[in-house]
Amino acid sequence: MAMLNIIKGSLKNIVDEAQFERLYKPNGWRIDETEKPPENEESKALKILHTEQEFKNYVKMSKTKPKQFDDKLFYSETENEIRS
């Protein structure tokens, strides 16, 4: 389903095409031609990345979960006692 930017006076909204035809169009809403439709992240990535390998690396990187940095310089007191 395509998402549409719609406008009525100074009110703006983003709805799918079926919902626009069913609910909003009969009540005087119109499609906002001034707003460009939002792009999904994959289409943005395809414009930036030049090769298939770069795209595969980008997809793999985007699926990873962030981890808390720990360089193990600071230990709890119990670990320090064990090491001493």
PDB file of N, CA and C in Angstrom:
ATOM      1  N   MET A   1       0.830  -1.181   0.000  1.00  0.00           N
ATOM      2  CA  MET A   1       0.000   0.000   0.000  1.00  0.00           C
ATOM      3  C   MET A   1       0.874   1.244   0.000  1.00  0.00           C
ATOM      4  N   ALA A   2       0.498   2.163  -0.820  1.00  0.00           N
ATOM      5  CA  ALA A   2       1.227   3.421  -0.897  1.00  0.00           C
ATOM      6  C   ALA A   2       0.715   4.374   0.176  1.00  0.00           C
ATOM      7  N   MET A   3       1.648   5.039   0.834  1.00  0.00           N
ATOM      8  CA  MET A   3       1.290   6.033   1.831  1.00  0.00           C
ATOM      9  C   MET A   3       1.181   7.390   1.141  1.00  0.00           C
ATOM     10  N   LEU A   4       0.147   8.152   1.500  1.00  0.00           N
ATOM     11  CA  LEU A   4      -0.100   9.447   0.891  1.00  0.00           C
ATOM     12  C   LEU A   4      -0.021  10.550   1.929  1.00  0.00           C
ATOM     13  N   ASN A   5       0.555  11.674   1.547  1.00  0.00           N
ATOM     14  CA  ASN A   5       0.504  12.876   2.370  1.00  0.00           C
ATOM     15  C   ASN A   5      -0.773  13.599   1.970  1.00  0.00           C
ATOM     16  N   ILE A   6      -1.639  13.858   2.947  1.00  0.00           N
ATOM     17  CA  ILE A   6      -2.898  14.525   2.651  1.00  0.00           C
ATOM     18  C   ILE A   6      -2.989  15.822   3.450  1.00  0.00           C
ATOM     19  N   ILE A   7      -3.842  16.738   2.974  1.00  0.00           N
ATOM     20  CA  ILE A   7      -3.958  18.049   3.595  1.00  0.00           C
ATOM     21  C   ILE A   7      -5.403  18.528   3.526  1.00  0.00           C
ATOM     22  N   LYS A   8      -5.820  19.233   4.567  1.00  0.00           N
ATOM     23  CA  LYS A   8      -7.126  19.902   4.591  1.00  0.00           C
ATOM     24  C   LYS A   8      -6.927  21.175   5.409  1.00  0.00           C
ATOM     25  N   GLY A   9      -6.885  22.308   4.720  1.00  0.00           N
ATOM     26  CA  GLY A   9      -6.587  23.564   5.403  1.00  0.00           C
ATOM     27  C   GLY A   9      -5.150  23.549   5.886  1.00  0.00           C
ATOM     28  N   SER A  10      -4.956  23.729   7.191  1.00  0.00           N
ATOM     29  CA  SER A  10      -3.593  23.691   7.744  1.00  0.00           C
ATOM     30  C   SER A  10      -3.272  22.339   8.378  1.00  0.00           C
ATOM     31  N   LEU A  11      -4.195  21.393   8.324  1.00  0.00           N
ATOM     32  CA  LEU A  11      -3.988  20.059   8.890  1.00  0.00           C
ATOM     33  C   LEU A  11      -3.320  19.156   7.857  1.00  0.00           C
ATOM     34  N   LYS A  12      -2.353  18.379   8.313  1.00  0.00           N
ATOM     35  CA  LYS A  12      -1.660  17.426   7.448  1.00  0.00           C
ATOM     36  C   LYS A  12      -1.687  16.060   8.100  1.00  0.00           C
ATOM     37  N   ASN A  13      -1.666  15.015   7.276  1.00  0.00           N
ATOM     38  CA  ASN A  13      -1.672  13.653   7.787  1.00  0.00           C
ATOM     39  C   ASN A  13      -1.047  12.739   6.741  1.00  0.00           C
ATOM     40  N   ILE A  14      -0.637  11.558   7.172  1.00  0.00           N
ATOM     41  CA  ILE A  14      -0.121  10.534   6.265  1.00  0.00           C
ATOM     42  C   ILE A  14      -0.965   9.279   6.470  1.00  0.00           C
ATOM     43  N   VAL A  15      -1.624   8.830   5.409  1.00  0.00           N
ATOM     44  CA  VAL A  15      -2.494   7.650   5.483  1.00  0.00           C
ATOM     45  C   VAL A  15      -2.245   6.779   4.254  1.00  0.00           C
ATOM     46  N   ASP A  16      -2.732   5.533   4.318  1.00  0.00           N
ATOM     47  CA  ASP A  16      -2.592   4.692   3.133  1.00  0.00           C
ATOM     48  C   ASP A  16      -3.691   5.046   2.122  1.00  0.00           C
ATOM     49  N   GLU A  17      -3.502   4.585   0.907  1.00  0.00           N
ATOM     50  CA  GLU A  17      -4.356   4.985  -0.205  1.00  0.00           C
ATOM     51  C   GLU A  17      -5.811   4.542  -0.016  1.00  0.00           C
ATOM     52  N   ALA A  18      -6.029   3.325   0.466  1.00  0.00           N
ATOM     53  CA  ALA A  18      -7.392   2.821   0.654  1.00  0.00           C
ATOM     54  C   ALA A  18      -8.133   3.627   1.721  1.00  0.00           C
ATOM     55  N   GLN A  19      -7.449   3.946   2.803  1.00  0.00           N
ATOM     56  CA  GLN A  19      -8.060   4.728   3.872  1.00  0.00           C
ATOM     57  C   GLN A  19      -8.386   6.136   3.381  1.00  0.00           C
ATOM     58  N   PHE A  20      -7.524   6.703   2.560  1.00  0.00           N
ATOM     59  CA  PHE A  20      -7.786   8.032   1.996  1.00  0.00           C
ATOM     60  C   PHE A  20      -9.053   8.016   1.161  1.00  0.00           C
ATOM     61  N   GLU A  21      -9.176   7.021   0.277  1.00  0.00           N
ATOM     62  CA  GLU A  21     -10.349   6.946  -0.606  1.00  0.00           C
ATOM     63  C   GLU A  21     -11.630   6.724   0.199  1.00  0.00           C
ATOM     64  N   ARG A  22     -11.565   5.925   1.248  1.00  0.00           N
ATOM     65  CA  ARG A  22     -12.745   5.571   2.017  1.00  0.00           C
ATOM     66  C   ARG A  22     -13.168   6.663   3.000  1.00  0.00           C
ATOM     67  N   LEU A  23     -12.227   7.247   3.738  1.00  0.00           N
ATOM     68  CA  LEU A  23     -12.573   8.158   4.822  1.00  0.00           C
ATOM     69  C   LEU A  23     -12.296   9.636   4.542  1.00  0.00           C
ATOM     70  N   TYR A  24     -11.159   9.922   3.996  1.00  0.00           N
ATOM     71  CA  TYR A  24     -10.711  11.307   3.921  1.00  0.00           C
ATOM     72  C   TYR A  24     -11.197  12.045   2.677  1.00  0.00           C
ATOM     73  N   LYS A  25     -11.186  11.415   1.514  1.00  0.00           N
ATOM     74  CA  LYS A  25     -11.584  12.079   0.278  1.00  0.00           C
ATOM     75  C   LYS A  25     -13.030  12.566   0.317  1.00  0.00           C
ATOM     76  N   PRO A  26     -13.988  11.770   0.818  1.00  0.00           N
ATOM     77  CA  PRO A  26     -15.366  12.272   0.900  1.00  0.00           C
ATOM     78  C   PRO A  26     -15.528  13.472   1.846  1.00  0.00           C
ATOM     79  N   ASN A  27     -14.602  13.659   2.784  1.00  0.00           N
ATOM     80  CA  ASN A  27     -14.696  14.756   3.745  1.00  0.00           C
ATOM     81  C   ASN A  27     -13.867  15.977   3.346  1.00  0.00           C
ATOM     82  N   GLY A  28     -13.408  16.030   2.103  1.00  0.00           N
ATOM     83  CA  GLY A  28     -12.748  17.228   1.607  1.00  0.00           C
ATOM     84  C   GLY A  28     -11.240  17.250   1.700  1.00  0.00           C
ATOM     85  N   TRP A  29     -10.624  16.182   2.142  1.00  0.00           N
ATOM     86  CA  TRP A  29      -9.164  16.128   2.188  1.00  0.00           C
ATOM     87  C   TRP A  29      -8.648  15.951   0.767  1.00  0.00           C
ATOM     88  N   ARG A  30      -7.442  16.441   0.509  1.00  0.00           N
ATOM     89  CA  ARG A  30      -6.834  16.256  -0.808  1.00  0.00           C
ATOM     90  C   ARG A  30      -5.378  15.826  -0.631  1.00  0.00           C
ATOM     91  N   ILE A  31      -4.801  15.264  -1.682  1.00  0.00           N
ATOM     92  CA  ILE A  31      -3.414  14.815  -1.641  1.00  0.00           C
ATOM     93  C   ILE A  31      -2.514  16.039  -1.674  1.00  0.00           C
ATOM     94  N   ASP A  32      -1.536  16.072  -0.769  1.00  0.00           N
ATOM     95  CA  ASP A  32      -0.601  17.187  -0.669  1.00  0.00           C
ATOM     96  C   ASP A  32       0.513  16.983  -1.689  1.00  0.00           C
ATOM     97  N   GLU A  33       0.513  17.797  -2.728  1.00  0.00           N
ATOM     98  CA  GLU A  33       1.497  17.682  -3.802  1.00  0.00           C
ATOM     99  C   GLU A  33       2.848  18.282  -3.406  1.00  0.00           C
ATOM    100  N   THR A  34       2.883  19.147  -2.380  1.00  0.00           N
ATOM    101  CA  THR A  34       4.124  19.818  -2.013  1.00  0.00           C
ATOM    102  C   THR A  34       5.057  18.907  -1.225  1.00  0.00           C
ATOM    103  N   GLU A  35       4.528  17.942  -0.492  1.00  0.00           N
ATOM    104  CA  GLU A  35       5.341  17.022   0.307  1.00  0.00           C
ATOM    105  C   GLU A  35       5.805  15.869  -0.563  1.00  0.00           C
ATOM    106  N   LYS A  36       7.098  15.543  -0.476  1.00  0.00           N
ATOM    107  CA  LYS A  36       7.573  14.361  -1.186  1.00  0.00           C
ATOM    108  C   LYS A  36       7.337  13.145  -0.296  1.00  0.00           C
ATOM    109  N   PRO A  37       7.034  11.990  -0.851  1.00  0.00           N
ATOM    110  CA  PRO A  37       6.755  10.804  -0.037  1.00  0.00           C
ATOM    111  C   PRO A  37       7.997  10.356   0.718  1.00  0.00           C
ATOM    112  N   PRO A  38       7.817   9.834   1.931  1.00  0.00           N
ATOM    113  CA  PRO A  38       8.977   9.367   2.691  1.00  0.00           C
ATOM    114  C   PRO A  38       9.608   8.154   2.030  1.00  0.00           C
ATOM    115  N   GLU A  39      10.942   8.098   2.060  1.00  0.00           N
ATOM    116  CA  GLU A  39      11.663   6.979   1.468  1.00  0.00           C
ATOM    117  C   GLU A  39      12.022   5.985   2.553  1.00  0.00           C
ATOM    118  N   ASN A  40      11.962   4.722   2.221  1.00  0.00           N
ATOM    119  CA  ASN A  40      12.386   3.729   3.204  1.00  0.00           C
ATOM    120  C   ASN A  40      13.910   3.635   3.197  1.00  0.00           C
ATOM    121  N   GLU A  41      14.463   2.995   4.207  1.00  0.00           N
ATOM    122  CA  GLU A  41      15.919   2.986   4.382  1.00  0.00           C
ATOM    123  C   GLU A  41      16.638   2.208   3.291  1.00  0.00           C
ATOM    124  N   GLU A  42      16.016   1.172   2.766  1.00  0.00           N
ATOM    125  CA  GLU A  42      16.693   0.387   1.740  1.00  0.00           C
ATOM    126  C   GLU A  42      16.874   1.193   0.461  1.00  0.00           C
ATOM    127  N   SER A  43      15.868   2.013   0.098  1.00  0.00           N
ATOM    128  CA  SER A  43      16.021   2.813  -1.110  1.00  0.00           C
ATOM    129  C   SER A  43      17.086   3.880  -0.917  1.00  0.00           C
ATOM    130  N   LYS A  44      17.204   4.432   0.310  1.00  0.00           N
ATOM    131  CA  LYS A  44      18.272   5.391   0.595  1.00  0.00           C
ATOM    132  C   LYS A  44      19.626   4.710   0.494  1.00  0.00           C
ATOM    133  N   ALA A  45      19.714   3.496   1.019  1.00  0.00           N
ATOM    134  CA  ALA A  45      20.977   2.761   0.998  1.00  0.00           C
ATOM    135  C   ALA A  45      21.388   2.433  -0.431  1.00  0.00           C
ATOM    136  N   LEU A  46      20.437   2.087  -1.273  1.00  0.00           N
ATOM    137  CA  LEU A  46      20.761   1.756  -2.656  1.00  0.00           C
ATOM    138  C   LEU A  46      21.317   2.960  -3.411  1.00  0.00           C
ATOM    139  N   LYS A  47      20.871   4.159  -3.057  1.00  0.00           N
ATOM    140  CA  LYS A  47      21.387   5.357  -3.719  1.00  0.00           C
ATOM    141  C   LYS A  47      22.823   5.641  -3.288  1.00  0.00           C
ATOM    142  N   ILE A  48      23.166   5.326  -2.050  1.00  0.00           N
ATOM    143  CA  ILE A  48      24.496   5.622  -1.517  1.00  0.00           C
ATOM    144  C   ILE A  48      25.498   4.534  -1.892  1.00  0.00           C
ATOM    145  N   LEU A  49      25.082   3.278  -1.788  1.00  0.00           N
ATOM    146  CA  LEU A  49      25.994   2.155  -2.007  1.00  0.00           C
ATOM    147  C   LEU A  49      26.140   1.875  -3.506  1.00  0.00           C
ATOM    148  N   HIS A  50      27.342   1.519  -3.912  1.00  0.00           N
ATOM    149  CA  HIS A  50      27.621   1.369  -5.332  1.00  0.00           C
ATOM    150  C   HIS A  50      27.703  -0.079  -5.802  1.00  0.00           C
ATOM    151  N   THR A  51      28.068  -0.987  -4.908  1.00  0.00           N
ATOM    152  CA  THR A  51      28.214  -2.380  -5.341  1.00  0.00           C
ATOM    153  C   THR A  51      27.301  -3.273  -4.512  1.00  0.00           C
ATOM    154  N   GLU A  52      27.104  -4.467  -5.014  1.00  0.00           N
ATOM    155  CA  GLU A  52      26.269  -5.437  -4.309  1.00  0.00           C
ATOM    156  C   GLU A  52      26.910  -5.839  -2.979  1.00  0.00           C
ATOM    157  N   GLN A  53      28.222  -5.943  -2.952  1.00  0.00           N
ATOM    158  CA  GLN A  53      28.920  -6.315  -1.720  1.00  0.00           C
ATOM    159  C   GLN A  53      28.736  -5.237  -0.655  1.00  0.00           C
ATOM    160  N   GLU A  54      28.798  -3.962  -1.044  1.00  0.00           N
ATOM    161  CA  GLU A  54      28.566  -2.879  -0.082  1.00  0.00           C
ATOM    162  C   GLU A  54      27.153  -2.960   0.480  1.00  0.00           C
ATOM    163  N   PHE A  55      26.183  -3.285  -0.367  1.00  0.00           N
ATOM    164  CA  PHE A  55      24.801  -3.414   0.093  1.00  0.00           C
ATOM    165  C   PHE A  55      24.655  -4.580   1.060  1.00  0.00           C
ATOM    166  N   LYS A  56      25.287  -5.718   0.757  1.00  0.00           N
ATOM    167  CA  LYS A  56      25.222  -6.874   1.654  1.00  0.00           C
ATOM    168  C   LYS A  56      25.837  -6.543   3.011  1.00  0.00           C
ATOM    169  N   ASN A  57      26.969  -5.840   2.992  1.00  0.00           N
ATOM    170  CA  ASN A  57      27.608  -5.436   4.244  1.00  0.00           C
ATOM    171  C   ASN A  57      26.718  -4.484   5.036  1.00  0.00           C
ATOM    172  N   TYR A  58      26.054  -3.573   4.344  1.00  0.00           N
ATOM    173  CA  TYR A  58      25.152  -2.622   5.004  1.00  0.00           C
ATOM    174  C   TYR A  58      23.990  -3.356   5.670  1.00  0.00           C
ATOM    175  N   VAL A  59      23.393  -4.319   4.968  1.00  0.00           N
ATOM    176  CA  VAL A  59      22.272  -5.077   5.521  1.00  0.00           C
ATOM    177  C   VAL A  59      22.734  -5.872   6.740  1.00  0.00           C
ATOM    178  N   LYS A  60      23.890  -6.511   6.652  1.00  0.00           N
ATOM    179  CA  LYS A  60      24.426  -7.291   7.772  1.00  0.00           C
ATOM    180  C   LYS A  60      24.707  -6.386   8.965  1.00  0.00           C
ATOM    181  N   MET A  61      25.273  -5.203   8.717  1.00  0.00           N
ATOM    182  CA  MET A  61      25.579  -4.257   9.780  1.00  0.00           C
ATOM    183  C   MET A  61      24.298  -3.743  10.447  1.00  0.00           C
ATOM    184  N   SER A  62      23.268  -3.492   9.661  1.00  0.00           N
ATOM    185  CA  SER A  62      22.036  -2.927  10.227  1.00  0.00           C
ATOM    186  C   SER A  62      21.269  -3.944  11.069  1.00  0.00           C
ATOM    187  N   LYS A  63      21.559  -5.230  10.918  1.00  0.00           N
ATOM    188  CA  LYS A  63      20.870  -6.260  11.700  1.00  0.00           C
ATOM    189  C   LYS A  63      21.542  -6.539  13.039  1.00  0.00           C
ATOM    190  N   THR A  64      22.747  -6.042  13.231  1.00  0.00           N
ATOM    191  CA  THR A  64      23.433  -6.298  14.492  1.00  0.00           C
ATOM    192  C   THR A  64      22.835  -5.469  15.612  1.00  0.00           C
ATOM    193  N   LYS A  65      22.946  -5.989  16.827  1.00  0.00           N
ATOM    194  CA  LYS A  65      22.413  -5.291  17.990  1.00  0.00           C
ATOM    195  C   LYS A  65      23.552  -4.552  18.682  1.00  0.00           C
ATOM    196  N   PRO A  66      23.297  -3.337  19.147  1.00  0.00           N
ATOM    197  CA  PRO A  66      24.371  -2.603  19.833  1.00  0.00           C
ATOM    198  C   PRO A  66      24.738  -3.271  21.145  1.00  0.00           C
ATOM    199  N   LYS A  67      26.036  -3.277  21.450  1.00  0.00           N
ATOM    200  CA  LYS A  67      26.525  -3.862  22.693  1.00  0.00           C
ATOM    201  C   LYS A  67      27.157  -2.764  23.529  1.00  0.00           C
ATOM    202  N   GLN A  68      27.080  -2.922  24.835  1.00  0.00           N
ATOM    203  CA  GLN A  68      27.695  -1.952  25.727  1.00  0.00           C
ATOM    204  C   GLN A  68      29.206  -2.131  25.687  1.00  0.00           C
ATOM    205  N   PHE A  69      29.918  -1.030  25.537  1.00  0.00           N
ATOM    206  CA  PHE A  69      31.378  -1.084  25.458  1.00  0.00           C
ATOM    207  C   PHE A  69      31.953  -1.468  26.811  1.00  0.00           C
ATOM    208  N   ASP A  70      32.870  -2.404  26.810  1.00  0.00           N
ATOM    209  CA  ASP A  70      33.543  -2.809  28.033  1.00  0.00           C
ATOM    210  C   ASP A  70      34.980  -3.166  27.691  1.00  0.00           C
ATOM    211  N   ASP A  71      35.905  -2.305  28.089  1.00  0.00           N
ATOM    212  CA  ASP A  71      37.311  -2.566  27.814  1.00  0.00           C
ATOM    213  C   ASP A  71      38.003  -3.269  28.983  1.00  0.00           C
ATOM    214  N   LYS A  72      37.232  -3.624  29.991  1.00  0.00           N
ATOM    215  CA  LYS A  72      37.674  -4.389  31.157  1.00  0.00           C
ATOM    216  C   LYS A  72      38.792  -3.682  31.932  1.00  0.00           C
ATOM    217  N   LEU A  73      38.781  -2.355  31.907  1.00  0.00           N
ATOM    218  CA  LEU A  73      39.745  -1.604  32.709  1.00  0.00           C
ATOM    219  C   LEU A  73      39.274  -1.474  34.149  1.00  0.00           C
ATOM    220  N   PHE A  74      37.989  -1.454  34.355  1.00  0.00           N
ATOM    221  CA  PHE A  74      37.433  -1.302  35.694  1.00  0.00           C
ATOM    222  C   PHE A  74      36.700  -2.580  36.074  1.00  0.00           C
ATOM    223  N   TYR A  75      37.026  -3.116  37.234  1.00  0.00           N
ATOM    224  CA  TYR A  75      36.415  -4.340  37.718  1.00  0.00           C
ATOM    225  C   TYR A  75      35.689  -4.037  39.023  1.00  0.00           C
ATOM    226  N   SER A  76      34.748  -4.867  39.344  1.00  0.00           N
ATOM    227  CA  SER A  76      34.077  -4.694  40.634  1.00  0.00           C
ATOM    228  C   SER A  76      35.040  -5.060  41.755  1.00  0.00           C
ATOM    229  N   GLU A  77      34.688  -4.708  42.978  1.00  0.00           N
ATOM    230  CA  GLU A  77      35.589  -4.960  44.113  1.00  0.00           C
ATOM    231  C   GLU A  77      35.855  -6.446  44.302  1.00  0.00           C
ATOM    232  N   THR A  78      34.867  -7.273  44.075  1.00  0.00           N
ATOM    233  CA  THR A  78      35.077  -8.714  44.266  1.00  0.00           C
ATOM    234  C   THR A  78      36.072  -9.258  43.255  1.00  0.00           C
ATOM    235  N   GLU A  79      36.022  -8.788  42.029  1.00  0.00           N
ATOM    236  CA  GLU A  79      36.975  -9.246  41.023  1.00  0.00           C
ATOM    237  C   GLU A  79      38.373  -8.759  41.343  1.00  0.00           C
ATOM    238  N   ASN A  80      38.495  -7.544  41.912  1.00  0.00           N
ATOM    239  CA  ASN A  80      39.821  -7.025  42.297  1.00  0.00           C
ATOM    240  C   ASN A  80      40.416  -7.856  43.431  1.00  0.00           C
ATOM    241  N   GLU A  81      39.578  -8.296  44.363  1.00  0.00           N
ATOM    242  CA  GLU A  81      40.073  -9.110  45.473  1.00  0.00           C
ATOM    243  C   GLU A  81      40.586 -10.454  44.967  1.00  0.00           C
ATOM    244  N   ILE A  82      39.914 -11.015  44.011  1.00  0.00           N
ATOM    245  CA  ILE A  82      40.325 -12.300  43.441  1.00  0.00           C
ATOM    246  C   ILE A  82      41.660 -12.151  42.723  1.00  0.00           C
ATOM    247  N   ARG A  83      41.866 -11.069  42.018  1.00  0.00           N
ATOM    248  CA  ARG A  83      43.086 -10.843  41.248  1.00  0.00           C
ATOM    249  C   ARG A  83      44.285 -10.511  42.157  1.00  0.00           C
ATOM    250  N   SER A  84      44.037  -9.957  43.349  1.00  0.00           N
ATOM    251  CA  SER A  84      45.157  -9.563  44.213  1.00  0.00           C
ATOM    252  C   SER A  84      45.794 -10.737  44.893  1.00  0.00           C
TER     253      SER A  84
END
